[in-house]
Amino acid sequence: MRYEEPRPISQADAESSFRGTDIEAICRDLVRAAYYVPDWEWLETWCLQFARSGNVEVQQVAATCLGHIARIHRVVHTDRVVPVLRKMMAEPLLAGAAADALGDVEHYATTEEEA
């Protein structure tokens, strides 16, 4: 996947993409949603679902977007996010993205309960 500057996307358009089968569109729209959709809990749920998808590219982007949520919104459900990222770190193809995201979570985010 090549880098594209994320363009705004609505929550409805992102959800439509997420329910589809186009891997490139899902990855692109996860990033777009991380930057432009204000409902971080909605996006966190999708990212956690995609983190378990079995598609390495989607899993890597989902991990990255969990880090974006922490950095941009300053909050995540750590009880949900941290275990998933730690599990991903055990997979060689996912470890880098998961470690970066975990660093963002630890550095930027408060827990949902602290927000």
C-alpha atoms as a PDB file:
ATOM      1  CA  MET A   1       0.000   0.000   0.000  1.00  0.00           C
ATOM      2  CA  ARG A   2       1.372   3.413  -0.912  1.00  0.00           C
ATOM      3  CA  TYR A   3       1.016   6.507   1.258  1.00  0.00           C
ATOM      4  CA  GLU A   4      -1.792   8.931   0.484  1.00  0.00           C
ATOM      5  CA  GLU A   5      -2.555  12.078   2.436  1.00  0.00           C
ATOM      6  CA  PRO A   6      -5.763  11.191   4.329  1.00  0.00           C
ATOM      7  CA  ARG A   7      -8.839  13.024   3.071  1.00  0.00           C
ATOM      8  CA  PRO A   8     -11.912  13.638   5.211  1.00  0.00           C
ATOM      9  CA  ILE A   9     -14.492  10.860   5.366  1.00  0.00           C
ATOM     10  CA  SER A  10     -17.851  10.661   7.077  1.00  0.00           C
ATOM     11  CA  GLN A  11     -18.587   7.978   9.613  1.00  0.00           C
ATOM     12  CA  ALA A  12     -21.325   6.587   7.344  1.00  0.00           C
ATOM     13  CA  ASP A  13     -18.997   6.338   4.333  1.00  0.00           C
ATOM     14  CA  ALA A  14     -16.283   4.730   6.450  1.00  0.00           C
ATOM     15  CA  GLU A  15     -18.714   2.181   7.823  1.00  0.00           C
ATOM     16  CA  SER A  16     -19.884   1.334   4.329  1.00  0.00           C
ATOM     17  CA  SER A  17     -16.286   0.721   3.316  1.00  0.00           C
ATOM     18  CA  PHE A  18     -15.576  -1.358   6.426  1.00  0.00           C
ATOM     19  CA  ARG A  19     -18.510  -3.644   5.624  1.00  0.00           C
ATOM     20  CA  GLY A  20     -17.132  -4.283   2.144  1.00  0.00           C
ATOM     21  CA  THR A  21     -14.439  -6.608   0.853  1.00  0.00           C
ATOM     22  CA  ASP A  22     -12.024  -4.154  -0.800  1.00  0.00           C
ATOM     23  CA  ILE A  23      -8.883  -4.482   1.348  1.00  0.00           C
ATOM     24  CA  GLU A  24      -7.245  -1.369  -0.086  1.00  0.00           C
ATOM     25  CA  ALA A  25     -10.378   0.705   0.582  1.00  0.00           C
ATOM     26  CA  ILE A  26     -10.686  -0.655   4.129  1.00  0.00           C
ATOM     27  CA  CYS A  27      -7.077   0.224   4.906  1.00  0.00           C
ATOM     28  CA  ARG A  28      -7.315   3.675   3.341  1.00  0.00           C
ATOM     29  CA  ASP A  29     -10.614   4.448   5.054  1.00  0.00           C
ATOM     30  CA  LEU A  30      -9.436   3.257   8.469  1.00  0.00           C
ATOM     31  CA  VAL A  31      -6.709   5.882   8.302  1.00  0.00           C
ATOM     32  CA  ARG A  32      -9.105   8.531   7.008  1.00  0.00           C
ATOM     33  CA  ALA A  33     -11.534   7.747   9.833  1.00  0.00           C
ATOM     34  CA  ALA A  34      -8.757   7.900  12.417  1.00  0.00           C
ATOM     35  CA  TYR A  35      -8.018  11.471  11.348  1.00  0.00           C
ATOM     36  CA  TYR A  36     -11.520  12.768  10.664  1.00  0.00           C
ATOM     37  CA  VAL A  37     -14.244  10.811  12.476  1.00  0.00           C
ATOM     38  CA  PRO A  38     -14.785  12.245  15.967  1.00  0.00           C
ATOM     39  CA  ASP A  39     -16.393   9.095  17.414  1.00  0.00           C
ATOM     40  CA  TRP A  40     -13.231   7.418  18.679  1.00  0.00           C
ATOM     41  CA  GLU A  41     -15.144   4.598  20.419  1.00  0.00           C
ATOM     42  CA  TRP A  42     -16.863   3.615  17.187  1.00  0.00           C
ATOM     43  CA  LEU A  43     -13.534   3.577  15.369  1.00  0.00           C
ATOM     44  CA  GLU A  44     -11.789   1.710  18.183  1.00  0.00           C
ATOM     45  CA  THR A  45     -14.394  -1.052  17.869  1.00  0.00           C
ATOM     46  CA  TRP A  46     -13.735  -1.362  14.139  1.00  0.00           C
ATOM     47  CA  CYS A  47      -9.963  -1.314  14.633  1.00  0.00           C
ATOM     48  CA  LEU A  48     -10.165  -4.090  17.211  1.00  0.00           C
ATOM     49  CA  GLN A  49     -12.316  -6.134  14.836  1.00  0.00           C
ATOM     50  CA  PHE A  50      -9.857  -5.606  11.979  1.00  0.00           C
ATOM     51  CA  ALA A  51      -6.898  -6.361  14.256  1.00  0.00           C
ATOM     52  CA  ARG A  52      -8.288  -9.901  14.457  1.00  0.00           C
ATOM     53  CA  SER A  53      -9.162 -10.141  10.751  1.00  0.00           C
ATOM     54  CA  GLY A  54      -6.442 -12.523   9.611  1.00  0.00           C
ATOM     55  CA  ASN A  55      -5.381 -10.176   6.780  1.00  0.00           C
ATOM     56  CA  VAL A  56      -1.897  -8.893   7.652  1.00  0.00           C
ATOM     57  CA  GLU A  57      -2.248  -5.602   5.790  1.00  0.00           C
ATOM     58  CA  VAL A  58      -5.565  -4.818   7.462  1.00  0.00           C
ATOM     59  CA  GLN A  59      -4.185  -5.883  10.853  1.00  0.00           C
ATOM     60  CA  GLN A  60      -1.153  -3.603  10.471  1.00  0.00           C
ATOM     61  CA  VAL A  61      -3.317  -0.618   9.552  1.00  0.00           C
ATOM     62  CA  ALA A  62      -5.746  -1.382  12.384  1.00  0.00           C
ATOM     63  CA  ALA A  63      -2.870  -1.360  14.872  1.00  0.00           C
ATOM     64  CA  THR A  64      -1.557   1.905  13.446  1.00  0.00           C
ATOM     65  CA  CYS A  65      -5.011   3.454  13.716  1.00  0.00           C
ATOM     66  CA  LEU A  66      -5.327   2.397  17.355  1.00  0.00           C
ATOM     67  CA  GLY A  67      -2.171   4.430  17.899  1.00  0.00           C
ATOM     68  CA  HIS A  68      -3.698   7.331  15.953  1.00  0.00           C
ATOM     69  CA  ILE A  69      -6.779   7.231  18.182  1.00  0.00           C
ATOM     70  CA  ALA A  70      -4.571   7.442  21.259  1.00  0.00           C
ATOM     71  CA  ARG A  71      -2.517  10.283  19.802  1.00  0.00           C
ATOM     72  CA  ILE A  72      -5.361  12.311  18.305  1.00  0.00           C
ATOM     73  CA  HIS A  73      -8.162  11.718  20.811  1.00  0.00           C
ATOM     74  CA  ARG A  74      -5.943  11.098  23.860  1.00  0.00           C
ATOM     75  CA  VAL A  75      -8.128   8.228  25.063  1.00  0.00           C
ATOM     76  CA  VAL A  76      -8.701   4.514  24.426  1.00  0.00           C
ATOM     77  CA  HIS A  77     -10.214   1.607  26.300  1.00  0.00           C
ATOM     78  CA  THR A  78      -6.870   0.272  27.494  1.00  0.00           C
ATOM     79  CA  ASP A  79      -8.472  -2.897  28.850  1.00  0.00           C
ATOM     80  CA  ARG A  80      -9.505  -3.756  25.281  1.00  0.00           C
ATOM     81  CA  VAL A  81      -6.709  -2.245  23.203  1.00  0.00           C
ATOM     82  CA  VAL A  82      -3.546  -3.181  25.107  1.00  0.00           C
ATOM     83  CA  PRO A  83      -4.130  -6.959  25.183  1.00  0.00           C
ATOM     84  CA  VAL A  84      -4.832  -7.013  21.446  1.00  0.00           C
ATOM     85  CA  LEU A  85      -1.690  -5.017  20.663  1.00  0.00           C
ATOM     86  CA  ARG A  86       0.418  -7.223  22.935  1.00  0.00           C
ATOM     87  CA  LYS A  87      -0.889 -10.326  21.199  1.00  0.00           C
ATOM     88  CA  MET A  88      -0.103  -8.778  17.815  1.00  0.00           C
ATOM     89  CA  MET A  89       3.471  -8.119  18.956  1.00  0.00           C
ATOM     90  CA  ALA A  90       4.039 -11.877  19.061  1.00  0.00           C
ATOM     91  CA  GLU A  91       3.461 -12.064  15.290  1.00  0.00           C
ATOM     92  CA  PRO A  92       6.574 -11.062  13.300  1.00  0.00           C
ATOM     93  CA  LEU A  93       4.627  -9.337  10.508  1.00  0.00           C
ATOM     94  CA  LEU A  94       2.530  -7.350  12.989  1.00  0.00           C
ATOM     95  CA  ALA A  95       5.076  -6.642  15.718  1.00  0.00           C
ATOM     96  CA  GLY A  96       6.343  -3.314  14.383  1.00  0.00           C
ATOM     97  CA  ALA A  97       2.940  -1.716  13.895  1.00  0.00           C
ATOM     98  CA  ALA A  98       1.687  -3.117  17.202  1.00  0.00           C
ATOM     99  CA  ALA A  99       4.731  -1.890  19.128  1.00  0.00           C
ATOM    100  CA  ASP A 100       4.411   1.597  17.642  1.00  0.00           C
ATOM    101  CA  ALA A 101       0.706   1.704  18.497  1.00  0.00           C
ATOM    102  CA  LEU A 102       1.322   0.455  22.027  1.00  0.00           C
ATOM    103  CA  GLY A 103       3.898   3.210  22.467  1.00  0.00           C
ATOM    104  CA  ASP A 104       1.336   5.789  21.366  1.00  0.00           C
ATOM    105  CA  VAL A 105      -1.257   4.339  23.738  1.00  0.00           C
ATOM    106  CA  GLU A 106       1.167   4.401  26.664  1.00  0.00           C
ATOM    107  CA  HIS A 107       2.438   7.906  25.856  1.00  0.00           C
ATOM    108  CA  TYR A 108      -0.679   9.787  24.827  1.00  0.00           C
ATOM    109  CA  ALA A 109      -3.832   8.107  26.024  1.00  0.00           C
ATOM    110  CA  THR A 110      -5.674   8.142  29.254  1.00  0.00           C
ATOM    111  CA  THR A 111      -8.091   5.333  29.834  1.00  0.00           C
ATOM    112  CA  GLU A 112     -11.741   5.882  29.022  1.00  0.00           C
ATOM    113  CA  GLU A 113     -12.476   5.905  32.736  1.00  0.00           C
ATOM    114  CA  GLU A 114      -9.952   8.732  33.324  1.00  0.00           C
ATOM    115  CA  ALA A 115     -11.309  10.918  30.500  1.00  0.00           C
END
